Amino acid sequence: MTISFETPLLDTIADPLALRRLPPERLREVADELRAETISAVGQTGGH
């Protein structure tokens, strides 16, 4: 079963500068999206 998450904010970040330009209050949202994306990817491909 594949579970995909929407990552609208993460999808707008193309490079480190784009991440630095985000206001601090948006960083939690980026972290949440990145966490969900990582868990989804590892769940499909396996870990170690």
N, C-alpha and C. Protein backbone atom coordinates (compact mmCIF):
# COMPACT_ATOMS: atom_id res chain seq x y z
N MET A 1 0.85 -1.18 0.00
CA MET A 1 0.00 0.00 0.00
C MET A 1 0.89 1.24 0.00
N THR A 2 0.64 2.15 -0.91
CA THR A 2 1.40 3.38 -1.00
C THR A 2 0.60 4.52 -0.39
N ILE A 3 1.23 5.20 0.53
CA ILE A 3 0.62 6.38 1.14
C ILE A 3 1.43 7.58 0.69
N SER A 4 0.77 8.54 0.08
CA SER A 4 1.48 9.75 -0.34
C SER A 4 0.95 10.93 0.45
N PHE A 5 1.83 11.85 0.70
CA PHE A 5 1.48 13.04 1.45
C PHE A 5 1.63 14.26 0.56
N GLU A 6 0.79 15.22 0.78
CA GLU A 6 0.91 16.48 0.07
C GLU A 6 2.04 17.28 0.71
N THR A 7 2.91 17.83 -0.10
CA THR A 7 4.01 18.63 0.41
C THR A 7 4.11 19.95 -0.36
N PRO A 8 3.08 20.78 -0.28
CA PRO A 8 3.06 21.99 -1.10
C PRO A 8 4.19 22.97 -0.77
N LEU A 9 4.53 23.11 0.50
CA LEU A 9 5.60 24.04 0.85
C LEU A 9 6.95 23.46 0.48
N LEU A 10 7.16 22.21 0.80
CA LEU A 10 8.43 21.55 0.47
C LEU A 10 8.67 21.56 -1.03
N ASP A 11 7.62 21.44 -1.82
CA ASP A 11 7.75 21.44 -3.28
C ASP A 11 8.23 22.77 -3.83
N THR A 12 8.11 23.84 -3.06
CA THR A 12 8.55 25.16 -3.53
C THR A 12 10.02 25.43 -3.21
N ILE A 13 10.66 24.55 -2.46
CA ILE A 13 12.04 24.76 -2.04
C ILE A 13 12.96 24.02 -2.99
N ALA A 14 13.66 24.78 -3.83
CA ALA A 14 14.53 24.18 -4.84
C ALA A 14 16.00 24.18 -4.43
N ASP A 15 16.35 25.02 -3.46
CA ASP A 15 17.75 25.12 -3.06
C ASP A 15 17.85 25.69 -1.64
N PRO A 16 19.02 25.66 -1.04
CA PRO A 16 19.17 26.16 0.33
C PRO A 16 18.75 27.62 0.51
N LEU A 17 18.97 28.43 -0.51
CA LEU A 17 18.58 29.84 -0.41
C LEU A 17 17.07 29.99 -0.24
N ALA A 18 16.31 29.19 -0.95
CA ALA A 18 14.85 29.23 -0.82
C ALA A 18 14.43 28.86 0.59
N LEU A 19 15.12 27.92 1.19
CA LEU A 19 14.82 27.54 2.58
C LEU A 19 15.17 28.67 3.53
N ARG A 20 16.29 29.32 3.32
CA ARG A 20 16.70 30.44 4.18
C ARG A 20 15.74 31.62 4.08
N ARG A 21 15.10 31.77 2.95
CA ARG A 21 14.19 32.90 2.75
C ARG A 21 12.83 32.71 3.42
N LEU A 22 12.53 31.50 3.85
CA LEU A 22 11.25 31.27 4.51
C LEU A 22 11.22 31.96 5.87
N PRO A 23 10.08 32.49 6.24
CA PRO A 23 9.96 33.07 7.58
C PRO A 23 10.06 31.96 8.63
N PRO A 24 10.62 32.26 9.79
CA PRO A 24 10.81 31.25 10.83
C PRO A 24 9.54 30.49 11.20
N GLU A 25 8.40 31.15 11.15
CA GLU A 25 7.15 30.49 11.53
C GLU A 25 6.73 29.40 10.54
N ARG A 26 7.33 29.34 9.36
CA ARG A 26 7.01 28.31 8.37
C ARG A 26 7.92 27.08 8.47
N LEU A 27 8.99 27.18 9.27
CA LEU A 27 9.95 26.10 9.34
C LEU A 27 9.36 24.82 9.94
N ARG A 28 8.45 24.94 10.89
CA ARG A 28 7.80 23.76 11.47
C ARG A 28 7.02 23.02 10.38
N GLU A 29 6.35 23.77 9.53
CA GLU A 29 5.58 23.16 8.44
C GLU A 29 6.50 22.42 7.46
N VAL A 30 7.64 23.03 7.14
CA VAL A 30 8.61 22.37 6.26
C VAL A 30 9.12 21.09 6.91
N ALA A 31 9.43 21.16 8.19
CA ALA A 31 9.92 19.97 8.91
C ALA A 31 8.87 18.87 8.91
N ASP A 32 7.62 19.23 9.13
CA ASP A 32 6.54 18.23 9.13
C ASP A 32 6.40 17.57 7.77
N GLU A 33 6.46 18.38 6.70
CA GLU A 33 6.34 17.83 5.35
C GLU A 33 7.54 16.94 5.02
N LEU A 34 8.73 17.37 5.41
CA LEU A 34 9.93 16.58 5.15
C LEU A 34 9.89 15.26 5.91
N ARG A 35 9.43 15.31 7.14
CA ARG A 35 9.29 14.09 7.94
C ARG A 35 8.32 13.11 7.27
N ALA A 36 7.18 13.60 6.84
CA ALA A 36 6.18 12.75 6.19
C ALA A 36 6.73 12.16 4.90
N GLU A 37 7.43 12.95 4.13
CA GLU A 37 8.01 12.49 2.86
C GLU A 37 9.07 11.42 3.12
N THR A 38 9.90 11.62 4.13
CA THR A 38 10.95 10.66 4.46
C THR A 38 10.35 9.33 4.92
N ILE A 39 9.36 9.40 5.79
CA ILE A 39 8.71 8.18 6.28
C ILE A 39 8.05 7.43 5.12
N SER A 40 7.42 8.15 4.22
CA SER A 40 6.79 7.53 3.07
C SER A 40 7.82 6.84 2.18
N ALA A 41 8.93 7.51 1.90
CA ALA A 41 9.96 6.95 1.03
C ALA A 41 10.61 5.72 1.66
N VAL A 42 10.93 5.80 2.94
CA VAL A 42 11.56 4.66 3.61
C VAL A 42 10.58 3.50 3.72
N GLY A 43 9.31 3.81 3.90
CA GLY A 43 8.30 2.76 3.97
C GLY A 43 8.17 1.98 2.67
N GLN A 44 8.44 2.64 1.56
CA GLN A 44 8.33 1.99 0.25
C GLN A 44 9.61 1.24 -0.13
N THR A 45 10.76 1.79 0.25
CA THR A 45 12.03 1.21 -0.19
C THR A 45 12.75 0.43 0.89
N GLY A 46 12.35 0.59 2.11
CA GLY A 46 13.04 -0.07 3.22
C GLY A 46 14.12 0.82 3.79
N GLY A 47 14.51 0.51 4.99
CA GLY A 47 15.52 1.32 5.68
C GLY A 47 16.92 0.79 5.41
N HIS A 48 17.64 0.59 6.46
CA HIS A 48 19.04 0.16 6.39
C HIS A 48 19.12 -1.01 5.48
